[in-house]
């Protein structure tokens, strides 16, 4: 519940999704600046593959079955006047609104992290910057799955 809320707000749910975080680090083609090493995208094969292996209709049915528990958690997070479905829509739209660069983005290596060289990408919300780092193929697969999940729940996206 908290991960979906954070994504909808543009924040990266690092703690909530720690279990699916890749064990290897992102690499660039260069020592201090460069494009993402294409092999780095493979870090996300397992997580994206696992999600895509679940039928969106099955995930939607599970969600419907446990929705009372999710709604209670959502209320406990301070959202008493809104249905959690709206949080799902916000999260999916946040990811959908992430622009797709023409090619692999250039990153600058900083102590302990990477930063986008392009000021427009650097200005994105943290979760949008993160979704760019999974690679175009994984991103497309993830967004297609989320759109199908929303459709199975009859949630209306922009």
N, C-alpha and C. Protein backbone atom coordinates (compact mmCIF):
# COMPACT_ATOMS: atom_id res chain seq x y z
N UNK A 1 0.83 -1.19 0.00
CA UNK A 1 0.00 0.00 0.00
C UNK A 1 0.87 1.25 0.00
N UNK A 2 1.88 1.25 0.88
CA UNK A 2 2.76 2.41 0.97
C UNK A 2 3.59 2.58 -0.31
N UNK A 3 4.01 1.49 -0.92
CA UNK A 3 4.78 1.58 -2.17
C UNK A 3 3.95 2.26 -3.26
N UNK A 4 2.68 1.91 -3.38
CA UNK A 4 1.81 2.50 -4.40
C UNK A 4 1.62 3.99 -4.11
N UNK A 5 1.41 4.34 -2.85
CA UNK A 5 1.24 5.74 -2.47
C UNK A 5 2.50 6.53 -2.85
N UNK A 6 3.67 5.99 -2.49
CA UNK A 6 4.92 6.70 -2.79
C UNK A 6 5.11 6.88 -4.30
N UNK A 7 4.85 5.84 -5.08
CA UNK A 7 5.00 5.95 -6.53
C UNK A 7 4.07 7.04 -7.07
N UNK A 8 2.83 7.07 -6.59
CA UNK A 8 1.89 8.09 -7.02
C UNK A 8 2.32 9.50 -6.68
N UNK A 9 3.12 9.63 -5.62
CA UNK A 9 3.66 10.93 -5.22
C UNK A 9 4.98 11.25 -5.91
N UNK A 10 5.48 10.29 -6.70
CA UNK A 10 6.74 10.51 -7.40
C UNK A 10 7.96 10.08 -6.62
N UNK A 11 7.75 9.49 -5.46
CA UNK A 11 8.89 9.03 -4.65
C UNK A 11 9.21 7.58 -4.96
N UNK A 12 10.45 7.20 -4.75
CA UNK A 12 10.88 5.83 -4.98
C UNK A 12 10.68 5.02 -3.71
N UNK A 13 9.92 3.92 -3.79
CA UNK A 13 9.66 3.10 -2.60
C UNK A 13 10.80 2.12 -2.33
N UNK A 14 11.96 2.65 -2.02
CA UNK A 14 13.16 1.83 -1.84
C UNK A 14 12.96 0.78 -0.76
N UNK A 15 12.51 1.19 0.40
CA UNK A 15 12.37 0.24 1.50
C UNK A 15 11.27 -0.79 1.23
N UNK A 16 10.17 -0.35 0.66
CA UNK A 16 9.04 -1.25 0.45
C UNK A 16 9.31 -2.29 -0.64
N UNK A 17 10.17 -1.98 -1.59
CA UNK A 17 10.45 -2.90 -2.69
C UNK A 17 11.88 -3.45 -2.64
N UNK A 18 12.47 -3.42 -1.47
CA UNK A 18 13.85 -3.88 -1.30
C UNK A 18 14.04 -5.33 -1.78
N UNK A 19 13.03 -6.16 -1.61
CA UNK A 19 13.14 -7.58 -1.97
C UNK A 19 13.36 -7.79 -3.46
N UNK A 20 12.93 -6.85 -4.30
CA UNK A 20 13.13 -7.03 -5.75
C UNK A 20 14.26 -6.17 -6.30
N UNK A 21 14.97 -5.51 -5.43
CA UNK A 21 16.10 -4.67 -5.86
C UNK A 21 17.20 -5.57 -6.43
N UNK A 22 17.75 -5.19 -7.58
CA UNK A 22 18.82 -6.01 -8.15
C UNK A 22 20.03 -6.07 -7.22
N UNK A 23 20.72 -7.19 -7.28
CA UNK A 23 21.90 -7.36 -6.43
C UNK A 23 23.13 -6.71 -7.05
N UNK A 24 23.14 -6.56 -8.36
CA UNK A 24 24.28 -5.92 -9.01
C UNK A 24 24.02 -4.42 -9.16
N UNK A 25 25.10 -3.69 -9.31
CA UNK A 25 25.02 -2.23 -9.42
C UNK A 25 24.92 -1.79 -10.88
N UNK A 26 24.32 -0.66 -11.10
CA UNK A 26 24.25 -0.05 -12.41
C UNK A 26 25.66 0.29 -12.88
N UNK A 27 25.91 0.08 -14.15
CA UNK A 27 27.21 0.41 -14.73
C UNK A 27 27.00 1.34 -15.92
N UNK A 28 27.98 2.23 -16.13
CA UNK A 28 27.94 3.09 -17.30
C UNK A 28 29.14 2.79 -18.19
N UNK A 29 29.04 3.22 -19.44
CA UNK A 29 30.14 3.06 -20.39
C UNK A 29 31.02 4.30 -20.29
N UNK A 30 31.90 4.31 -19.35
CA UNK A 30 32.77 5.45 -19.08
C UNK A 30 33.10 5.47 -17.61
N UNK A 31 34.10 6.23 -17.25
CA UNK A 31 34.51 6.23 -15.84
C UNK A 31 33.72 7.23 -15.01
N UNK A 32 33.45 8.42 -15.54
CA UNK A 32 32.72 9.40 -14.74
C UNK A 32 31.44 9.88 -15.42
N UNK A 33 31.33 9.65 -16.71
CA UNK A 33 30.11 10.00 -17.44
C UNK A 33 29.96 9.04 -18.61
N UNK A 34 28.73 8.72 -18.93
CA UNK A 34 28.50 7.84 -20.06
C UNK A 34 27.09 7.30 -20.09
N UNK A 35 26.80 6.61 -21.16
CA UNK A 35 25.51 5.96 -21.30
C UNK A 35 25.49 4.70 -20.42
N UNK A 36 24.29 4.26 -20.12
CA UNK A 36 24.14 3.05 -19.30
C UNK A 36 24.67 1.86 -20.09
N UNK A 37 25.46 1.04 -19.44
CA UNK A 37 25.94 -0.19 -20.05
C UNK A 37 24.71 -1.06 -20.31
N UNK A 38 24.47 -1.45 -21.57
CA UNK A 38 23.26 -2.24 -21.87
C UNK A 38 23.12 -3.49 -21.01
N UNK A 39 24.21 -4.06 -20.56
CA UNK A 39 24.12 -5.24 -19.70
C UNK A 39 23.49 -4.92 -18.35
N UNK A 40 23.51 -3.66 -17.95
CA UNK A 40 22.90 -3.26 -16.68
C UNK A 40 21.40 -3.47 -16.67
N UNK A 41 20.78 -3.40 -17.84
CA UNK A 41 19.33 -3.59 -17.89
C UNK A 41 18.94 -5.02 -17.52
N UNK A 42 19.85 -5.95 -17.70
CA UNK A 42 19.56 -7.34 -17.34
C UNK A 42 19.32 -7.50 -15.85
N UNK A 43 19.77 -6.53 -15.06
CA UNK A 43 19.54 -6.58 -13.61
C UNK A 43 18.06 -6.67 -13.28
N UNK A 44 17.21 -6.19 -14.19
CA UNK A 44 15.77 -6.13 -13.96
C UNK A 44 15.01 -7.27 -14.61
N UNK A 45 15.71 -8.18 -15.28
CA UNK A 45 15.04 -9.29 -15.97
C UNK A 45 14.14 -10.08 -15.02
N UNK A 46 14.65 -10.46 -13.87
CA UNK A 46 13.90 -11.31 -12.94
C UNK A 46 12.66 -10.60 -12.40
N UNK A 47 12.81 -9.36 -11.95
CA UNK A 47 11.69 -8.64 -11.35
C UNK A 47 10.59 -8.36 -12.37
N UNK A 48 10.98 -7.85 -13.53
CA UNK A 48 9.99 -7.55 -14.56
C UNK A 48 9.38 -8.84 -15.10
N UNK A 49 10.20 -9.86 -15.28
CA UNK A 49 9.70 -11.15 -15.74
C UNK A 49 8.72 -11.77 -14.77
N UNK A 50 9.00 -11.64 -13.48
CA UNK A 50 8.09 -12.19 -12.47
C UNK A 50 6.74 -11.49 -12.52
N UNK A 51 6.75 -10.17 -12.60
CA UNK A 51 5.49 -9.44 -12.68
C UNK A 51 4.73 -9.81 -13.95
N UNK A 52 5.43 -9.81 -15.06
CA UNK A 52 4.78 -10.09 -16.34
C UNK A 52 4.25 -11.52 -16.43
N UNK A 53 4.78 -12.41 -15.60
CA UNK A 53 4.31 -13.80 -15.62
C UNK A 53 2.96 -13.97 -14.93
N UNK A 54 2.53 -12.96 -14.21
CA UNK A 54 1.24 -12.99 -13.51
C UNK A 54 0.19 -12.39 -14.45
N UNK A 55 -0.86 -13.11 -14.68
CA UNK A 55 -1.94 -12.58 -15.52
C UNK A 55 -2.55 -11.36 -14.83
N UNK A 56 -2.63 -10.21 -15.51
CA UNK A 56 -3.23 -9.03 -14.89
C UNK A 56 -4.62 -9.28 -14.32
N UNK A 57 -5.42 -10.12 -14.98
CA UNK A 57 -6.76 -10.42 -14.47
C UNK A 57 -6.68 -11.18 -13.15
N UNK A 58 -5.70 -12.07 -13.01
CA UNK A 58 -5.51 -12.81 -11.76
C UNK A 58 -5.07 -11.86 -10.65
N UNK A 59 -4.15 -10.95 -10.98
CA UNK A 59 -3.69 -9.97 -9.99
C UNK A 59 -4.85 -9.07 -9.57
N UNK A 60 -5.68 -8.69 -10.52
CA UNK A 60 -6.84 -7.85 -10.21
C UNK A 60 -7.81 -8.58 -9.28
N UNK A 61 -8.02 -9.87 -9.52
CA UNK A 61 -8.91 -10.65 -8.66
C UNK A 61 -8.35 -10.75 -7.25
N UNK A 62 -7.05 -10.98 -7.14
CA UNK A 62 -6.41 -11.01 -5.82
C UNK A 62 -6.59 -9.67 -5.11
N UNK A 63 -6.36 -8.59 -5.85
CA UNK A 63 -6.53 -7.26 -5.28
C UNK A 63 -7.96 -7.06 -4.74
N UNK A 64 -8.94 -7.45 -5.54
CA UNK A 64 -10.34 -7.32 -5.11
C UNK A 64 -10.57 -8.13 -3.84
N UNK A 65 -9.99 -9.32 -3.76
CA UNK A 65 -10.17 -10.19 -2.59
C UNK A 65 -9.57 -9.60 -1.32
N UNK A 66 -8.43 -8.91 -1.44
CA UNK A 66 -7.77 -8.37 -0.23
C UNK A 66 -7.96 -6.86 -0.09
N UNK A 67 -8.78 -6.26 -0.95
CA UNK A 67 -8.98 -4.81 -0.92
C UNK A 67 -9.39 -4.27 0.45
N UNK A 68 -10.23 -4.95 1.23
CA UNK A 68 -10.54 -4.41 2.55
C UNK A 68 -9.28 -4.21 3.41
N UNK A 69 -8.34 -5.11 3.32
CA UNK A 69 -7.09 -4.95 4.08
C UNK A 69 -6.27 -3.78 3.56
N UNK A 70 -6.22 -3.65 2.24
CA UNK A 70 -5.48 -2.54 1.64
C UNK A 70 -6.15 -1.22 1.98
N UNK A 71 -7.47 -1.18 1.90
CA UNK A 71 -8.20 0.05 2.26
C UNK A 71 -7.92 0.45 3.71
N UNK A 72 -7.86 -0.54 4.60
CA UNK A 72 -7.57 -0.24 6.00
C UNK A 72 -6.17 0.33 6.15
N UNK A 73 -5.21 -0.26 5.47
CA UNK A 73 -3.83 0.26 5.51
C UNK A 73 -3.78 1.67 4.94
N UNK A 74 -4.51 1.92 3.88
CA UNK A 74 -4.55 3.24 3.25
C UNK A 74 -5.12 4.28 4.21
N UNK A 75 -6.17 3.90 4.93
CA UNK A 75 -6.75 4.79 5.94
C UNK A 75 -5.73 5.07 7.04
N UNK A 76 -5.02 4.04 7.47
CA UNK A 76 -4.00 4.20 8.51
C UNK A 76 -2.85 5.09 8.06
N UNK A 77 -2.65 5.19 6.76
CA UNK A 77 -1.63 6.10 6.22
C UNK A 77 -2.14 7.53 6.11
N UNK A 78 -3.39 7.76 6.52
CA UNK A 78 -3.94 9.11 6.54
C UNK A 78 -4.81 9.47 5.35
N UNK A 79 -5.27 8.48 4.61
CA UNK A 79 -6.10 8.73 3.43
C UNK A 79 -7.52 8.22 3.66
N UNK A 80 -8.22 8.84 4.59
CA UNK A 80 -9.54 8.33 4.95
C UNK A 80 -10.65 8.73 3.98
N UNK A 81 -10.46 9.75 3.19
CA UNK A 81 -11.54 10.22 2.34
C UNK A 81 -11.46 9.77 0.90
N UNK A 82 -10.60 8.80 0.61
CA UNK A 82 -10.39 8.42 -0.79
C UNK A 82 -10.25 6.91 -0.92
N UNK A 83 -10.73 6.38 -2.01
CA UNK A 83 -10.60 4.96 -2.30
C UNK A 83 -9.18 4.67 -2.80
N UNK A 84 -8.63 3.53 -2.44
CA UNK A 84 -7.27 3.17 -2.84
C UNK A 84 -7.14 3.05 -4.36
N UNK A 85 -8.23 2.78 -5.05
CA UNK A 85 -8.17 2.71 -6.51
C UNK A 85 -7.57 3.99 -7.09
N UNK A 86 -7.89 5.13 -6.49
CA UNK A 86 -7.34 6.41 -6.96
C UNK A 86 -5.83 6.45 -6.80
N UNK A 87 -5.31 5.83 -5.74
CA UNK A 87 -3.86 5.77 -5.54
C UNK A 87 -3.20 4.92 -6.62
N UNK A 88 -3.86 3.83 -7.00
CA UNK A 88 -3.34 2.99 -8.07
C UNK A 88 -3.29 3.78 -9.38
N UNK A 89 -4.35 4.50 -9.68
CA UNK A 89 -4.39 5.31 -10.90
C UNK A 89 -3.27 6.35 -10.88
N UNK A 90 -3.07 7.04 -9.76
CA UNK A 90 -2.01 8.04 -9.66
C UNK A 90 -0.63 7.42 -9.90
N UNK A 91 -0.41 6.24 -9.32
CA UNK A 91 0.89 5.58 -9.46
C UNK A 91 1.14 5.19 -10.92
N UNK A 92 0.14 4.60 -11.55
CA UNK A 92 0.31 4.19 -12.96
C UNK A 92 0.51 5.43 -13.83
N UNK A 93 -0.26 6.47 -13.61
CA UNK A 93 -0.11 7.68 -14.42
C UNK A 93 1.25 8.35 -14.19
N UNK A 94 1.77 8.29 -12.97
CA UNK A 94 3.10 8.84 -12.69
C UNK A 94 4.14 8.13 -13.55
N UNK A 95 4.05 6.81 -13.61
CA UNK A 95 5.00 6.05 -14.42
C UNK A 95 4.76 6.28 -15.91
N UNK A 96 3.49 6.33 -16.31
CA UNK A 96 3.15 6.59 -17.72
C UNK A 96 3.65 7.96 -18.18
N UNK A 97 3.66 8.93 -17.28
CA UNK A 97 4.07 10.30 -17.62
C UNK A 97 5.58 10.47 -17.76
N UNK A 98 6.33 9.43 -17.48
CA UNK A 98 7.79 9.51 -17.60
C UNK A 98 8.14 9.59 -19.08
N UNK A 99 8.86 10.65 -19.48
CA UNK A 99 9.22 10.75 -20.89
C UNK A 99 10.23 9.67 -21.26
N UNK A 100 10.17 9.23 -22.51
CA UNK A 100 11.13 8.23 -22.99
C UNK A 100 12.18 8.95 -23.83
N UNK A 101 13.42 8.99 -23.35
CA UNK A 101 14.47 9.62 -24.15
C UNK A 101 14.68 8.87 -25.46
N UNK A 102 15.22 9.55 -26.45
CA UNK A 102 15.45 8.95 -27.77
C UNK A 102 16.41 7.77 -27.68
N UNK A 103 17.39 7.84 -26.81
CA UNK A 103 18.35 6.76 -26.64
C UNK A 103 18.61 6.54 -25.16
N UNK A 104 19.62 5.75 -24.87
CA UNK A 104 19.98 5.55 -23.46
C UNK A 104 20.46 6.87 -22.88
N UNK A 105 19.96 7.24 -21.72
CA UNK A 105 20.38 8.52 -21.14
C UNK A 105 21.85 8.49 -20.70
N UNK A 106 22.46 9.65 -20.78
CA UNK A 106 23.83 9.81 -20.29
C UNK A 106 23.75 10.09 -18.79
N UNK A 107 24.56 9.37 -18.04
CA UNK A 107 24.59 9.55 -16.58
C UNK A 107 25.93 10.10 -16.15
N UNK A 108 25.91 10.84 -15.06
CA UNK A 108 27.11 11.34 -14.42
C UNK A 108 27.31 10.55 -13.14
N UNK A 109 28.51 10.05 -12.94
CA UNK A 109 28.79 9.28 -11.74
C UNK A 109 29.10 10.24 -10.60
N UNK A 110 28.36 10.09 -9.53
CA UNK A 110 28.54 10.89 -8.31
C UNK A 110 28.92 9.92 -7.19
N UNK A 111 29.43 10.42 -6.09
CA UNK A 111 29.75 9.51 -4.98
C UNK A 111 28.50 8.80 -4.46
N UNK A 112 28.40 7.50 -4.74
CA UNK A 112 27.29 6.70 -4.23
C UNK A 112 26.05 6.67 -5.08
N UNK A 113 26.00 7.42 -6.18
CA UNK A 113 24.81 7.41 -7.04
C UNK A 113 25.15 7.94 -8.43
N UNK A 114 24.19 7.82 -9.33
CA UNK A 114 24.30 8.39 -10.66
C UNK A 114 23.26 9.48 -10.81
N UNK A 115 23.58 10.45 -11.66
CA UNK A 115 22.67 11.56 -11.93
C UNK A 115 22.54 11.70 -13.44
N UNK A 116 21.36 12.04 -13.92
CA UNK A 116 21.17 12.26 -15.35
C UNK A 116 21.91 13.51 -15.79
N UNK A 117 22.56 13.44 -16.93
CA UNK A 117 23.25 14.59 -17.49
C UNK A 117 22.26 15.61 -18.04
N UNK A 118 21.18 15.14 -18.65
CA UNK A 118 20.16 15.99 -19.25
C UNK A 118 19.36 16.69 -18.14
N UNK A 119 19.35 18.02 -18.12
CA UNK A 119 18.61 18.74 -17.07
C UNK A 119 17.12 18.38 -17.03
N UNK A 120 16.52 18.11 -18.19
CA UNK A 120 15.09 17.75 -18.21
C UNK A 120 14.87 16.43 -17.49
N UNK A 121 15.77 15.46 -17.67
CA UNK A 121 15.65 14.18 -16.97
C UNK A 121 16.00 14.33 -15.50
N UNK A 122 16.96 15.18 -15.22
CA UNK A 122 17.35 15.41 -13.83
C UNK A 122 16.20 16.05 -13.04
N UNK A 123 15.31 16.78 -13.72
CA UNK A 123 14.19 17.46 -13.06
C UNK A 123 12.99 16.54 -12.82
N UNK A 124 13.04 15.32 -13.34
CA UNK A 124 11.93 14.39 -13.13
C UNK A 124 11.79 14.00 -11.67
N UNK A 125 10.65 13.45 -11.33
CA UNK A 125 10.43 12.91 -9.98
C UNK A 125 11.35 11.71 -9.78
N UNK A 126 11.77 11.42 -8.54
CA UNK A 126 12.69 10.30 -8.30
C UNK A 126 12.22 8.96 -8.88
N UNK A 127 10.95 8.63 -8.77
CA UNK A 127 10.48 7.34 -9.31
C UNK A 127 10.55 7.33 -10.83
N UNK A 128 10.37 8.48 -11.46
CA UNK A 128 10.48 8.55 -12.91
C UNK A 128 11.93 8.37 -13.36
N UNK A 129 12.84 8.97 -12.61
CA UNK A 129 14.27 8.77 -12.92
C UNK A 129 14.62 7.29 -12.78
N UNK A 130 14.08 6.65 -11.77
CA UNK A 130 14.35 5.24 -11.52
C UNK A 130 13.81 4.37 -12.65
N UNK A 131 12.60 4.66 -13.11
CA UNK A 131 12.00 3.82 -14.15
C UNK A 131 12.77 3.95 -15.46
N UNK A 132 13.45 5.05 -15.67
CA UNK A 132 14.30 5.18 -16.87
C UNK A 132 15.50 4.25 -16.80
N UNK A 133 15.90 3.88 -15.60
CA UNK A 133 17.10 3.05 -15.42
C UNK A 133 16.83 1.56 -15.62
N UNK A 134 15.58 1.17 -15.81
CA UNK A 134 15.28 -0.25 -16.05
C UNK A 134 15.42 -0.61 -17.52
N UNK A 135 15.49 0.40 -18.38
CA UNK A 135 15.62 0.17 -19.82
C UNK A 135 14.28 0.25 -20.53
N UNK A 136 14.33 0.61 -21.79
CA UNK A 136 13.11 0.84 -22.57
C UNK A 136 12.26 -0.42 -22.69
N UNK A 137 12.87 -1.58 -22.92
CA UNK A 137 12.09 -2.82 -23.07
C UNK A 137 11.37 -3.18 -21.79
N UNK A 138 12.10 -3.13 -20.65
CA UNK A 138 11.47 -3.46 -19.37
C UNK A 138 10.38 -2.45 -19.03
N UNK A 139 10.65 -1.19 -19.33
CA UNK A 139 9.67 -0.15 -19.03
C UNK A 139 8.40 -0.39 -19.83
N UNK A 140 8.54 -0.68 -21.12
CA UNK A 140 7.38 -0.93 -21.97
C UNK A 140 6.59 -2.13 -21.45
N UNK A 141 7.29 -3.17 -21.06
CA UNK A 141 6.64 -4.38 -20.55
C UNK A 141 5.90 -4.10 -19.24
N UNK A 142 6.54 -3.35 -18.36
CA UNK A 142 5.95 -2.98 -17.08
C UNK A 142 4.70 -2.14 -17.28
N UNK A 143 4.80 -1.12 -18.13
CA UNK A 143 3.65 -0.23 -18.35
C UNK A 143 2.50 -0.96 -19.03
N UNK A 144 2.81 -1.87 -19.95
CA UNK A 144 1.75 -2.65 -20.59
C UNK A 144 1.03 -3.51 -19.56
N UNK A 145 1.79 -4.10 -18.64
CA UNK A 145 1.18 -4.93 -17.61
C UNK A 145 0.30 -4.07 -16.70
N UNK A 146 0.80 -2.92 -16.29
CA UNK A 146 0.03 -2.03 -15.42
C UNK A 146 -1.25 -1.55 -16.10
N UNK A 147 -1.16 -1.24 -17.39
CA UNK A 147 -2.36 -0.82 -18.12
C UNK A 147 -3.39 -1.95 -18.17
N UNK A 148 -2.92 -3.18 -18.39
CA UNK A 148 -3.84 -4.33 -18.42
C UNK A 148 -4.44 -4.59 -17.04
N UNK A 149 -3.64 -4.40 -15.99
CA UNK A 149 -4.13 -4.55 -14.62
C UNK A 149 -5.22 -3.51 -14.34
N UNK A 150 -4.97 -2.25 -14.72
CA UNK A 150 -5.97 -1.20 -14.53
C UNK A 150 -7.23 -1.52 -15.32
N UNK A 151 -7.09 -2.00 -16.53
CA UNK A 151 -8.26 -2.35 -17.34
C UNK A 151 -9.05 -3.49 -16.69
N UNK A 152 -8.36 -4.47 -16.12
CA UNK A 152 -9.04 -5.59 -15.46
C UNK A 152 -9.83 -5.11 -14.25
N UNK A 153 -9.39 -4.01 -13.65
CA UNK A 153 -10.11 -3.44 -12.50
C UNK A 153 -11.11 -2.37 -12.93
N UNK A 154 -11.19 -2.10 -14.22
CA UNK A 154 -12.03 -1.06 -14.78
C UNK A 154 -11.67 0.32 -14.21
N UNK A 155 -10.35 0.53 -14.01
CA UNK A 155 -9.84 1.83 -13.58
C UNK A 155 -9.56 2.65 -14.84
N UNK A 156 -9.93 3.90 -14.81
CA UNK A 156 -9.77 4.74 -15.98
C UNK A 156 -8.53 5.63 -15.85
N UNK A 157 -7.59 5.42 -16.76
CA UNK A 157 -6.37 6.21 -16.80
C UNK A 157 -6.55 7.32 -17.82
N UNK A 158 -5.75 8.37 -17.68
CA UNK A 158 -5.80 9.46 -18.67
C UNK A 158 -5.48 8.95 -20.04
